[in-house]
Every structure is written in C-alpha cells, then in structure tokens.
Amino acid sequence: MSVETFTAGLPNYHPLLVHFPIGLLVYATVVDVIQVILRRPTKLTNTSPLYLAGTVLLALAYFSGRDASAMYVFAVTSLIGLVLLVTTADLGGRLVYRYGVGVATVSASP
C-alpha cells in the first residue's frame, strides 16, 4: 500500500495546520529576545512548552502536506537534528560537570 493510496480519502489539513507552528515558534522567539533585552523575566518565563507545541505542530503540518519523496529529506534532516542535539547535550554536560560553569561554589562549614 503506497502513501498516496492511504491518504487519498483524507482531507487536506495542511493549509489549516501550517500557520500554528509559525506563530508559536515566532512568539516563543520574540518572548525570549524580550527577556534577554530587558534582563528580567516576563509573565511567560518558560517558553519551552511553546517551542514543544510549535515543533509537534510543525511535524504534523509537514506530514499533512508532504509527498512520498519528501520522506527521505525529512529522515535525513531528523538525523542531523538528532546529532546536533546529542552534541549540544554532551558539550553542556562538560561545561557544567567538568568546568563548573554556572555552578555556585559552596563554602565548607567549620
């Protein structure tokens, strides 16, 4: 069974879904930039849920508008993103646990 046969009877949700990830990801970025410029948290201090929802909706919008050949492009892009994520986690762990970046020193009590 091909992808075209499976999705032939389904309505096209791509035009409906494509706007939500754009709005959520742009909004989260703007809030983060405002927090950096003002150097104080805004009412929305944690934008991680916005990034997560935007990413999930981005995948849904992608799959609702894709064709069969674009699946390989998505797979390669996903693998590159996974490699970048693991590399970032490894470097962040080294900064904290090896070099003590961002860790407050605790004085020994007598």
Foldseek 3Di string as FASTA:
>chain_A
DDPCVVCVPPDQCLVVLVPQLVVLVVVLVVQVVVCVVVVHHDPCRDSVVSNVVSVVSVVVSDVSPDDPVCVVVVVVVVVVVVVVVVVVVVVVCCCCPVVNPPHDDDDDDD
